[in-house]
Protein backbone atom coordinates (compact mmCIF):
# COMPACT_ATOMS: atom_id res chain seq x y z
CA MET A 1 -24.24 -80.50 -27.38
CA ASP A 2 -25.84 -80.34 -23.93
CA THR A 3 -26.91 -83.98 -24.21
CA LEU A 4 -23.25 -84.92 -24.50
CA LEU A 5 -22.28 -82.62 -21.62
CA PHE A 6 -24.93 -84.01 -19.26
CA SER A 7 -23.87 -87.53 -20.25
CA CYS A 8 -20.27 -86.69 -19.41
CA PHE A 9 -21.31 -85.24 -16.07
CA ALA A 10 -23.29 -88.39 -15.24
CA ALA A 11 -20.26 -90.53 -16.12
CA ALA A 12 -17.96 -88.31 -14.04
CA TYR A 13 -20.26 -88.65 -11.03
CA LEU A 14 -20.30 -92.43 -11.44
CA ILE A 15 -16.51 -92.39 -11.16
CA LEU A 16 -16.68 -90.12 -8.11
CA PHE A 17 -19.28 -92.42 -6.53
CA SER A 18 -16.96 -95.41 -6.92
CA LEU A 19 -14.06 -93.43 -5.45
CA ALA A 20 -16.16 -92.31 -2.46
CA LEU A 21 -17.30 -95.89 -1.90
CA ARG A 22 -13.68 -97.08 -2.01
CA LEU A 23 -12.66 -94.46 0.56
CA PHE A 24 -15.35 -95.71 2.91
CA ARG A 25 -14.58 -99.38 2.43
CA LYS A 26 -10.80 -99.10 2.73
CA ARG A 27 -10.42 -96.22 5.20
CA CYS A 28 -13.87 -95.84 6.79
CA ILE A 29 -13.90 -92.08 6.14
CA VAL A 30 -17.34 -91.04 7.34
CA SER A 31 -17.46 -87.78 5.38
CA ALA A 32 -16.97 -89.75 2.15
CA THR A 33 -19.95 -91.92 3.11
CA LEU A 34 -22.15 -88.85 3.49
CA LEU A 35 -21.26 -87.87 -0.07
CA LEU A 36 -22.54 -91.15 -1.53
CA PRO A 37 -26.27 -90.29 -1.65
CA VAL A 38 -25.48 -86.76 -2.84
CA ILE A 39 -23.37 -88.08 -5.72
CA ALA A 40 -25.95 -90.77 -6.53
CA GLY A 41 -28.57 -88.04 -6.84
CA LEU A 42 -26.35 -86.10 -9.23
CA VAL A 43 -25.76 -89.21 -11.35
CA TYR A 44 -29.51 -89.60 -11.65
CA ASP A 45 -30.15 -85.89 -12.26
CA ASN A 46 -27.66 -85.54 -15.08
CA GLY A 47 -28.50 -88.94 -16.53
CA ILE A 48 -32.22 -88.23 -16.79
CA ILE A 49 -31.62 -84.86 -18.44
CA ALA A 50 -29.23 -86.48 -20.93
CA ALA A 51 -31.73 -89.25 -21.73
CA GLY A 52 -34.80 -87.01 -21.91
CA ARG A 53 -34.80 -86.44 -25.66
CA PHE A 54 -34.58 -90.19 -26.27
CA ILE A 55 -37.40 -91.04 -23.84
CA GLY A 56 -39.65 -88.32 -25.24
CA GLU A 57 -42.46 -86.28 -23.76
CA GLY A 58 -45.00 -88.13 -21.67
CA THR A 59 -45.86 -89.52 -18.25
CA VAL A 60 -42.74 -91.67 -17.99
CA LEU A 61 -40.33 -88.77 -18.43
CA GLU A 62 -42.46 -86.56 -16.18
CA VAL A 63 -42.31 -89.10 -13.34
CA LEU A 64 -38.59 -89.59 -13.83
CA ASN A 65 -38.06 -85.83 -13.63
CA ALA A 66 -40.28 -85.51 -10.56
CA ALA A 67 -37.90 -87.90 -8.83
CA ARG A 68 -35.09 -85.44 -9.53
CA PHE A 69 -36.80 -82.87 -7.29
CA TRP A 70 -37.41 -85.44 -4.55
CA LEU A 71 -33.80 -86.64 -4.56
CA HIS A 72 -32.53 -83.06 -4.54
CA ALA A 73 -34.68 -82.27 -1.50
CA LEU A 74 -33.62 -85.42 0.37
CA PHE A 75 -29.92 -85.59 -0.43
CA THR A 76 -28.55 -82.07 -0.89
CA PRO A 77 -29.08 -81.10 2.80
CA LEU A 78 -26.81 -84.01 3.74
CA LEU A 79 -23.93 -81.70 2.82
CA VAL A 80 -24.59 -80.01 6.18
CA LEU A 81 -23.71 -83.30 7.88
CA TYR A 82 -20.67 -83.53 5.63
CA THR A 83 -19.47 -80.14 6.90
CA TRP A 84 -19.95 -81.27 10.50
CA MET A 85 -17.97 -84.43 9.91
CA SER A 86 -15.20 -82.63 7.99
CA LEU A 87 -14.81 -80.22 10.92
CA LYS A 88 -14.76 -83.13 13.33
CA GLN A 89 -12.16 -84.96 11.22
CA ALA A 90 -10.11 -81.76 11.16
CA GLY A 91 -9.88 -81.93 14.94
CA VAL A 92 -12.02 -78.86 15.63
CA SER A 93 -12.94 -79.26 19.29
CA TRP A 94 -16.35 -77.58 19.25
CA ALA A 95 -17.41 -79.68 16.25
CA GLN A 96 -17.04 -82.78 18.43
CA THR A 97 -19.49 -81.64 21.08
CA VAL A 98 -22.94 -83.18 21.45
CA TRP A 99 -24.71 -79.88 20.97
CA PHE A 100 -22.99 -79.23 17.62
CA ARG A 101 -23.82 -82.72 16.38
CA TRP A 102 -27.50 -82.25 17.17
CA ALA A 103 -27.45 -78.75 15.69
CA ALA A 104 -26.13 -80.18 12.41
CA ILE A 105 -28.75 -82.95 12.43
CA ALA A 106 -31.53 -80.47 13.23
CA LEU A 107 -30.45 -78.08 10.47
CA THR A 108 -30.29 -80.93 7.97
CA ALA A 109 -33.80 -82.09 8.88
CA ALA A 110 -35.10 -78.51 8.75
CA LEU A 111 -33.64 -77.96 5.27
CA VAL A 112 -35.18 -81.19 3.98
CA LEU A 113 -38.57 -80.11 5.33
CA LEU A 114 -38.14 -76.60 3.93
CA GLU A 115 -37.32 -77.90 0.47
CA PHE A 116 -40.33 -80.22 0.46
CA LEU A 117 -42.67 -77.44 1.57
CA THR A 118 -41.35 -74.79 -0.81
CA GLU A 119 -40.20 -76.73 -3.88
CA VAL A 120 -41.69 -80.25 -3.92
CA HIS A 121 -45.15 -79.86 -2.37
CA GLY A 122 -47.66 -79.01 -5.07
CA LEU A 123 -45.00 -79.37 -7.75
CA SER A 124 -46.33 -78.79 -11.26
CA LEU A 125 -44.08 -79.88 -14.10
CA GLN A 126 -44.01 -78.85 -17.72
CA PRO A 127 -41.79 -80.07 -20.58
CA ARG A 128 -38.94 -77.85 -21.67
CA TRP A 129 -36.58 -78.13 -24.59
CA GLU A 130 -33.29 -76.34 -23.98
CA TYR A 131 -30.13 -76.60 -26.07
CA GLY A 132 -31.14 -79.99 -27.43
CA THR A 133 -32.21 -81.56 -24.12
CA LEU A 134 -35.74 -82.39 -22.98
CA SER A 135 -36.68 -82.28 -19.32
CA TYR A 136 -39.65 -81.48 -17.12
CA THR A 137 -39.19 -78.38 -14.99
CA ASN A 138 -41.20 -76.51 -12.40
CA ALA A 139 -44.03 -74.62 -14.10
CA GLU A 140 -43.79 -71.96 -11.40
CA PRO A 141 -40.07 -71.60 -10.63
CA SER A 142 -38.99 -69.41 -7.74
CA ASN A 143 -36.93 -66.31 -8.31
CA GLY A 144 -33.29 -67.11 -7.62
CA PRO A 145 -31.84 -70.22 -5.98
CA PRO A 146 -33.93 -71.99 -3.29
CA LEU A 147 -33.28 -70.99 0.33
CA MET A 148 -32.07 -74.51 1.08
CA VAL A 149 -29.32 -74.22 -1.52
CA LEU A 150 -28.26 -70.82 -0.19
CA VAL A 151 -28.02 -72.11 3.40
CA VAL A 152 -26.05 -75.20 2.35
CA SER A 153 -23.66 -73.04 0.30
CA VAL A 154 -23.01 -70.70 3.22
CA VAL A 155 -22.45 -73.61 5.60
CA LEU A 156 -19.99 -75.23 3.20
CA LEU A 157 -18.08 -72.00 2.70
CA ALA A 158 -17.86 -71.29 6.44
CA ALA A 159 -16.68 -74.83 7.22
CA SER A 160 -14.13 -74.71 4.39
CA ILE A 161 -12.52 -71.61 5.92
CA VAL A 162 -12.21 -73.35 9.29
CA VAL A 163 -10.68 -76.47 7.69
CA TRP A 164 -8.30 -74.28 5.70
CA ARG A 165 -7.09 -72.51 8.83
CA LYS A 166 -6.96 -75.72 10.89
CA GLN A 167 -5.30 -78.05 8.39
CA GLY A 168 -3.91 -75.78 5.68
CA TRP A 169 -6.17 -77.46 3.09
CA VAL A 170 -7.46 -74.81 0.67
CA TRP A 171 -9.30 -76.95 -1.90
CA PHE A 172 -12.45 -77.30 0.18
CA PHE A 173 -12.66 -73.50 0.22
CA ILE A 174 -11.91 -73.17 -3.49
CA GLY A 175 -14.60 -75.68 -4.45
CA SER A 176 -17.19 -73.96 -2.24
CA LEU A 177 -16.28 -70.53 -3.59
CA VAL A 178 -16.38 -71.68 -7.22
CA MET A 179 -19.84 -73.11 -6.64
CA ILE A 180 -21.18 -69.88 -5.13
CA VAL A 181 -19.60 -67.54 -7.68
CA GLY A 182 -20.46 -69.80 -10.62
CA SER A 183 -24.11 -69.99 -9.59
CA ALA A 184 -24.35 -66.23 -9.12
CA VAL A 185 -22.74 -65.18 -12.41
CA GLN A 186 -24.64 -65.46 -15.66
CA LEU A 187 -22.17 -66.82 -18.20
CA PRO A 188 -22.54 -65.77 -21.88
CA VAL A 189 -22.53 -69.39 -23.05
CA ALA A 190 -25.22 -71.08 -25.13
CA SER A 191 -25.59 -74.05 -22.80
CA GLY A 192 -27.76 -75.06 -19.87
CA ALA A 193 -25.19 -77.57 -18.66
CA VAL A 194 -22.33 -75.19 -17.91
CA THR A 195 -23.59 -74.35 -14.42
CA ASN A 196 -23.48 -78.08 -13.60
CA LEU A 197 -19.74 -77.88 -14.05
CA PHE A 198 -19.54 -75.82 -10.86
CA GLU A 199 -21.40 -78.57 -8.97
CA LEU A 200 -18.87 -81.06 -10.28
CA VAL A 201 -15.97 -78.88 -9.09
CA LEU A 202 -17.58 -78.67 -5.64
CA ILE A 203 -18.10 -82.42 -5.31
CA VAL A 204 -14.53 -83.12 -6.48
CA SER A 205 -13.23 -80.71 -3.82
CA LEU A 206 -15.37 -82.34 -1.12
CA LEU A 207 -14.22 -85.83 -2.03
CA ALA A 208 -10.60 -84.64 -2.19
CA THR A 209 -11.06 -83.13 1.28
CA ALA A 210 -12.35 -86.43 2.64
CA ARG A 211 -9.37 -88.25 1.15
CA PHE A 212 -6.93 -85.65 2.51
CA GLN A 213 -8.40 -85.91 5.99
CA GLY A 214 -8.22 -89.68 5.81
CA ASN A 215 -4.49 -89.42 5.09
CA ASP A 216 -3.80 -86.71 7.65
CA GLN A 217 -2.85 -87.87 11.12
CA ARG A 218 -4.33 -84.69 12.51
CA THR A 219 -7.81 -85.90 11.63
CA GLU A 220 -7.85 -88.24 14.61
CA PRO A 221 -10.83 -87.20 16.75
CA GLN A 222 -10.04 -85.44 19.97
CA THR A 223 -11.69 -86.56 23.16
CA LYS A 224 -13.99 -84.07 24.71
């Protein structure tokens, strides 16, 4: 069952990737561009998990799964830059200052480095069968979500509240909240793919926010 679910998630992210690419090409919405590598990483992540049982245990699948950790470390922190750009597109004055731009860039770089040092460096993988799927996971997983994920989640939630108050757009906030609550609550469901649904809800809300801001005249940047 999970093989089908992960396959559906991969297909859904492919659709979202094409929509984000269209937003950039037709409307040059920068926040949508920042979502492209994040969505591409999720396509790969879900696709490899879905295909794992067909590839089978061995070096090939182990290498393919190792790339999942690398892409997660490189691309997920880009959501910090997305929050900066969404605030800027919302017309938030302080988000358009030079110091805030460099703060966002510095935090993104710091989170990438943190993830590599704590999760990727010295990574040891072992095969795991779970609900009909085969993947390689960290042999020494950390307790709870990585610090990088926690920081990104808090940044997204904080930015979503500002955008909600500034533009009256609540879906950014709802997507961020669903992601946080869904990751924190252990659902009584016999599936390892259910938590990925919350990621999908978040990405849909972020892409919808980019589209909304592209349509909203109030997203015109203010001069500082």
